[in-house]
């Protein structure tokens, strides 16, 4: 899979777009991809989605969005960790990571 976060959020598999579901589900994926391969605390995801006014069911809603993303991306794509979630991404499959690597190479 290829992940694109510079510009509109996109995921492709075999060159074809992957349906990512609801807008809030896409926001969760975008936040996870910004911190790819690191745990993103559930509270940070709640802040990204609702800011200062999260609904009482926010944690449960996050679980639902992650579940939907797992259906779209594969069961092992997003891992639950204590208090948060982690998305496993090969840096060469994430446009932002490739961009950072190319900038560093250009400066060297």
N, C-alpha and C. Protein backbone atom coordinates (compact mmCIF):
# COMPACT_ATOMS: atom_id res chain seq x y z
N UNK A 1 0.83 -1.18 0.00
CA UNK A 1 0.00 0.00 0.00
C UNK A 1 0.87 1.24 0.00
N UNK A 2 0.39 2.24 -0.66
CA UNK A 2 1.02 3.56 -0.69
C UNK A 2 0.11 4.54 0.05
N UNK A 3 0.73 5.41 0.85
CA UNK A 3 -0.02 6.38 1.64
C UNK A 3 0.40 7.79 1.21
N UNK A 4 -0.58 8.63 0.99
CA UNK A 4 -0.36 10.00 0.52
C UNK A 4 -1.02 10.96 1.50
N UNK A 5 -0.19 11.78 2.18
CA UNK A 5 -0.74 12.78 3.10
C UNK A 5 -0.36 14.20 2.72
N UNK A 6 0.54 14.35 1.76
CA UNK A 6 0.88 15.68 1.26
C UNK A 6 -0.13 16.02 0.18
N UNK A 7 -1.13 16.79 0.55
CA UNK A 7 -2.28 17.01 -0.33
C UNK A 7 -3.44 16.22 0.23
N UNK A 8 -4.41 15.90 -0.62
CA UNK A 8 -5.55 15.11 -0.12
C UNK A 8 -5.10 13.73 0.35
N UNK A 9 -5.68 13.27 1.45
CA UNK A 9 -5.37 11.95 1.99
C UNK A 9 -5.80 10.89 0.99
N UNK A 10 -4.86 10.01 0.64
CA UNK A 10 -5.17 8.90 -0.25
C UNK A 10 -4.38 7.68 0.17
N UNK A 11 -4.97 6.53 -0.09
CA UNK A 11 -4.27 5.26 0.08
C UNK A 11 -4.54 4.48 -1.19
N UNK A 12 -3.47 3.90 -1.75
CA UNK A 12 -3.64 3.07 -2.93
C UNK A 12 -3.06 1.69 -2.65
N UNK A 13 -3.65 0.71 -3.30
CA UNK A 13 -3.17 -0.66 -3.21
C UNK A 13 -3.15 -1.21 -4.63
N UNK A 14 -1.96 -1.58 -5.09
CA UNK A 14 -1.85 -2.04 -6.46
C UNK A 14 -2.23 -0.98 -7.47
N UNK A 15 -2.00 0.28 -7.10
CA UNK A 15 -2.33 1.39 -7.99
C UNK A 15 -3.78 1.82 -7.96
N UNK A 16 -4.60 1.13 -7.19
CA UNK A 16 -6.02 1.46 -7.10
C UNK A 16 -6.33 2.13 -5.77
N UNK A 17 -7.23 3.12 -5.77
CA UNK A 17 -7.58 3.78 -4.52
C UNK A 17 -8.28 2.84 -3.55
N UNK A 18 -7.99 3.03 -2.27
CA UNK A 18 -8.64 2.27 -1.20
C UNK A 18 -9.72 3.17 -0.61
N UNK A 19 -10.93 2.66 -0.49
CA UNK A 19 -12.03 3.40 0.11
C UNK A 19 -11.79 3.50 1.61
N UNK A 20 -11.70 4.73 2.11
CA UNK A 20 -11.33 4.97 3.51
C UNK A 20 -12.52 5.24 4.43
N UNK A 21 -13.71 5.31 3.89
CA UNK A 21 -14.88 5.47 4.74
C UNK A 21 -15.17 6.90 5.15
N UNK A 22 -15.79 7.03 6.30
CA UNK A 22 -16.27 8.31 6.83
C UNK A 22 -15.16 9.35 6.94
N UNK A 23 -15.54 10.61 6.89
CA UNK A 23 -14.58 11.71 7.02
C UNK A 23 -13.82 11.63 8.33
N UNK A 24 -14.50 11.41 9.43
CA UNK A 24 -13.81 11.33 10.73
C UNK A 24 -12.86 10.14 10.77
N UNK A 25 -13.21 9.07 10.11
CA UNK A 25 -12.33 7.91 10.01
C UNK A 25 -11.06 8.30 9.25
N UNK A 26 -11.21 9.10 8.22
CA UNK A 26 -10.07 9.58 7.45
C UNK A 26 -9.19 10.51 8.28
N UNK A 27 -9.81 11.32 9.13
CA UNK A 27 -9.04 12.20 10.02
C UNK A 27 -8.19 11.36 10.97
N UNK A 28 -8.77 10.28 11.49
CA UNK A 28 -8.01 9.38 12.36
C UNK A 28 -6.81 8.82 11.62
N UNK A 29 -7.01 8.35 10.39
CA UNK A 29 -5.90 7.81 9.62
C UNK A 29 -4.85 8.89 9.35
N UNK A 30 -5.28 10.08 8.99
CA UNK A 30 -4.33 11.17 8.75
C UNK A 30 -3.49 11.47 9.97
N UNK A 31 -4.12 11.51 11.14
CA UNK A 31 -3.37 11.77 12.38
C UNK A 31 -2.39 10.64 12.66
N UNK A 32 -2.81 9.41 12.44
CA UNK A 32 -1.91 8.28 12.66
C UNK A 32 -0.73 8.32 11.69
N UNK A 33 -0.99 8.70 10.45
CA UNK A 33 0.08 8.75 9.46
C UNK A 33 1.06 9.89 9.72
N UNK A 34 0.58 10.97 10.31
CA UNK A 34 1.50 12.06 10.68
C UNK A 34 2.55 11.59 11.68
N UNK A 35 2.19 10.60 12.48
CA UNK A 35 3.08 10.04 13.49
C UNK A 35 3.31 8.55 13.19
N UNK A 36 3.48 8.22 11.93
CA UNK A 36 3.62 6.82 11.50
C UNK A 36 4.67 6.10 12.32
N UNK A 37 4.35 4.87 12.68
CA UNK A 37 5.24 3.99 13.43
C UNK A 37 5.49 4.45 14.87
N UNK A 38 4.65 5.36 15.35
CA UNK A 38 4.69 5.81 16.75
C UNK A 38 3.28 5.74 17.31
N UNK A 39 3.18 5.53 18.60
CA UNK A 39 1.87 5.48 19.24
C UNK A 39 1.28 6.89 19.31
N UNK A 40 0.03 6.99 18.87
CA UNK A 40 -0.71 8.25 18.97
C UNK A 40 -1.74 8.05 20.09
N UNK A 41 -1.65 8.86 21.15
CA UNK A 41 -2.59 8.70 22.26
C UNK A 41 -4.04 8.92 21.81
N UNK A 42 -4.93 8.15 22.38
CA UNK A 42 -6.35 8.27 22.08
C UNK A 42 -6.83 9.71 22.30
N UNK A 43 -6.31 10.36 23.35
CA UNK A 43 -6.73 11.74 23.64
C UNK A 43 -6.36 12.69 22.50
N UNK A 44 -5.23 12.46 21.86
CA UNK A 44 -4.83 13.31 20.73
C UNK A 44 -5.81 13.13 19.57
N UNK A 45 -6.21 11.89 19.32
CA UNK A 45 -7.18 11.63 18.25
C UNK A 45 -8.52 12.29 18.57
N UNK A 46 -8.92 12.21 19.82
CA UNK A 46 -10.17 12.86 20.24
C UNK A 46 -10.07 14.37 20.03
N UNK A 47 -8.94 14.96 20.39
CA UNK A 47 -8.74 16.40 20.18
C UNK A 47 -8.80 16.75 18.70
N UNK A 48 -8.19 15.94 17.86
CA UNK A 48 -8.19 16.19 16.41
C UNK A 48 -9.61 16.16 15.84
N UNK A 49 -10.43 15.27 16.36
CA UNK A 49 -11.78 15.12 15.83
C UNK A 49 -12.79 16.12 16.39
N UNK A 50 -12.69 16.41 17.69
CA UNK A 50 -13.74 17.20 18.32
C UNK A 50 -13.24 18.42 19.08
N UNK A 51 -11.95 18.59 19.21
CA UNK A 51 -11.43 19.75 19.94
C UNK A 51 -11.88 19.76 21.38
N UNK A 52 -12.38 20.89 21.82
CA UNK A 52 -12.75 21.10 23.22
C UNK A 52 -14.08 20.46 23.60
N UNK A 53 -14.85 19.98 22.62
CA UNK A 53 -16.20 19.48 22.91
C UNK A 53 -16.43 18.05 22.42
N UNK A 54 -15.67 17.10 22.94
CA UNK A 54 -15.89 15.73 22.49
C UNK A 54 -17.19 15.16 23.08
N UNK A 55 -17.84 14.28 22.32
CA UNK A 55 -19.03 13.64 22.88
C UNK A 55 -18.64 12.64 23.97
N UNK A 56 -19.55 12.29 24.84
CA UNK A 56 -19.24 11.32 25.90
C UNK A 56 -18.77 9.97 25.33
N UNK A 57 -19.20 9.65 24.13
CA UNK A 57 -18.85 8.37 23.52
C UNK A 57 -17.60 8.45 22.63
N UNK A 58 -16.79 9.49 22.79
CA UNK A 58 -15.64 9.71 21.89
C UNK A 58 -14.70 8.52 21.82
N UNK A 59 -14.33 7.93 22.94
CA UNK A 59 -13.40 6.80 22.93
C UNK A 59 -13.99 5.63 22.15
N UNK A 60 -15.28 5.37 22.34
CA UNK A 60 -15.97 4.29 21.63
C UNK A 60 -16.03 4.59 20.13
N UNK A 61 -16.28 5.84 19.78
CA UNK A 61 -16.31 6.23 18.37
C UNK A 61 -14.94 6.04 17.72
N UNK A 62 -13.88 6.40 18.43
CA UNK A 62 -12.52 6.19 17.91
C UNK A 62 -12.31 4.71 17.63
N UNK A 63 -12.73 3.85 18.55
CA UNK A 63 -12.60 2.40 18.34
C UNK A 63 -13.31 1.97 17.07
N UNK A 64 -14.48 2.52 16.82
CA UNK A 64 -15.23 2.19 15.61
C UNK A 64 -14.52 2.66 14.36
N UNK A 65 -13.95 3.86 14.40
CA UNK A 65 -13.22 4.37 13.23
C UNK A 65 -11.99 3.52 12.95
N UNK A 66 -11.28 3.12 14.00
CA UNK A 66 -10.10 2.27 13.84
C UNK A 66 -10.51 0.92 13.27
N UNK A 67 -11.61 0.39 13.74
CA UNK A 67 -12.11 -0.88 13.23
C UNK A 67 -12.41 -0.77 11.73
N UNK A 68 -13.04 0.31 11.32
CA UNK A 68 -13.33 0.53 9.90
C UNK A 68 -12.05 0.65 9.08
N UNK A 69 -11.06 1.32 9.63
CA UNK A 69 -9.78 1.44 8.93
C UNK A 69 -9.09 0.09 8.81
N UNK A 70 -9.20 -0.72 9.82
CA UNK A 70 -8.61 -2.07 9.74
C UNK A 70 -9.28 -2.89 8.65
N UNK A 71 -10.58 -2.74 8.50
CA UNK A 71 -11.27 -3.44 7.41
C UNK A 71 -10.76 -2.97 6.06
N UNK A 72 -10.51 -1.67 5.94
CA UNK A 72 -10.07 -1.10 4.66
C UNK A 72 -8.60 -1.40 4.36
N UNK A 73 -7.76 -1.36 5.39
CA UNK A 73 -6.30 -1.43 5.19
C UNK A 73 -5.70 -2.80 5.52
N UNK A 74 -6.45 -3.62 6.21
CA UNK A 74 -5.92 -4.90 6.67
C UNK A 74 -5.86 -4.91 8.18
N UNK A 75 -6.12 -6.06 8.72
CA UNK A 75 -6.24 -6.21 10.17
C UNK A 75 -5.02 -5.76 10.94
N UNK A 76 -3.84 -5.95 10.37
CA UNK A 76 -2.60 -5.65 11.10
C UNK A 76 -2.06 -4.25 10.84
N UNK A 77 -2.76 -3.46 10.04
CA UNK A 77 -2.25 -2.13 9.68
C UNK A 77 -2.19 -1.18 10.87
N UNK A 78 -3.17 -1.29 11.75
CA UNK A 78 -3.23 -0.42 12.93
C UNK A 78 -3.23 -1.29 14.17
N UNK A 79 -2.31 -0.99 15.08
CA UNK A 79 -2.13 -1.78 16.30
C UNK A 79 -2.62 -0.95 17.49
N UNK A 80 -3.33 -1.60 18.39
CA UNK A 80 -3.76 -0.96 19.63
C UNK A 80 -2.63 -1.09 20.64
N UNK A 81 -2.26 0.02 21.23
CA UNK A 81 -1.26 0.05 22.30
C UNK A 81 -1.92 0.71 23.51
N UNK A 82 -1.30 0.57 24.64
CA UNK A 82 -1.84 1.14 25.86
C UNK A 82 -2.14 2.63 25.66
N UNK A 83 -3.40 2.98 25.68
CA UNK A 83 -3.81 4.37 25.59
C UNK A 83 -3.78 4.98 24.21
N UNK A 84 -3.54 4.17 23.16
CA UNK A 84 -3.50 4.76 21.83
C UNK A 84 -3.40 3.74 20.72
N UNK A 85 -3.01 4.24 19.55
CA UNK A 85 -2.93 3.41 18.35
C UNK A 85 -1.66 3.74 17.58
N UNK A 86 -1.22 2.76 16.80
CA UNK A 86 0.00 2.90 16.01
C UNK A 86 -0.29 2.32 14.63
N UNK A 87 0.08 3.06 13.59
CA UNK A 87 -0.04 2.54 12.23
C UNK A 87 1.35 2.16 11.75
N UNK A 88 1.48 0.92 11.28
CA UNK A 88 2.76 0.45 10.73
C UNK A 88 2.84 0.84 9.26
N UNK A 89 3.88 1.61 8.90
CA UNK A 89 4.06 2.02 7.51
C UNK A 89 5.55 1.99 7.18
N UNK A 90 5.87 1.33 6.09
CA UNK A 90 7.23 1.39 5.55
C UNK A 90 7.45 2.84 5.10
N UNK A 91 8.49 3.51 5.59
CA UNK A 91 8.71 4.92 5.22
C UNK A 91 8.74 5.17 3.71
N UNK A 92 9.14 4.19 2.93
CA UNK A 92 9.17 4.38 1.47
C UNK A 92 7.77 4.30 0.86
N UNK A 93 6.79 3.95 1.66
CA UNK A 93 5.41 3.87 1.18
C UNK A 93 4.55 5.05 1.65
N UNK A 94 5.21 6.01 2.32
CA UNK A 94 4.53 7.21 2.82
C UNK A 94 5.16 8.42 2.17
N UNK A 95 4.37 9.20 1.42
CA UNK A 95 4.93 10.30 0.65
C UNK A 95 5.68 11.32 1.51
N UNK A 96 5.20 11.62 2.70
CA UNK A 96 5.87 12.60 3.56
C UNK A 96 7.24 12.11 3.99
N UNK A 97 7.37 10.83 4.29
CA UNK A 97 8.66 10.27 4.70
C UNK A 97 9.64 10.27 3.52
N UNK A 98 9.14 9.93 2.33
CA UNK A 98 10.01 9.99 1.13
C UNK A 98 10.48 11.41 0.88
N UNK A 99 9.57 12.37 1.04
CA UNK A 99 9.92 13.77 0.84
C UNK A 99 11.01 14.20 1.82
N UNK A 100 10.86 13.86 3.09
CA UNK A 100 11.87 14.22 4.09
C UNK A 100 13.22 13.61 3.76
N UNK A 101 13.22 12.35 3.32
CA UNK A 101 14.47 11.67 2.95
C UNK A 101 15.12 12.37 1.76
N UNK A 102 14.34 12.72 0.77
CA UNK A 102 14.89 13.38 -0.42
C UNK A 102 15.44 14.77 -0.09
N UNK A 103 14.76 15.50 0.78
CA UNK A 103 15.26 16.81 1.20
C UNK A 103 16.59 16.65 1.92
N UNK A 104 16.69 15.68 2.82
CA UNK A 104 17.94 15.44 3.54
C UNK A 104 19.05 15.05 2.58
N UNK A 105 18.74 14.22 1.60
CA UNK A 105 19.76 13.84 0.60
C UNK A 105 20.19 15.06 -0.22
N UNK A 106 19.24 15.91 -0.56
CA UNK A 106 19.56 17.11 -1.34
C UNK A 106 20.45 18.07 -0.58
N UNK A 107 20.25 18.14 0.72
CA UNK A 107 21.08 19.05 1.54
C UNK A 107 22.48 18.49 1.75
N UNK A 108 22.61 17.17 1.69
CA UNK A 108 23.92 16.54 1.98
C UNK A 108 24.87 16.66 0.85
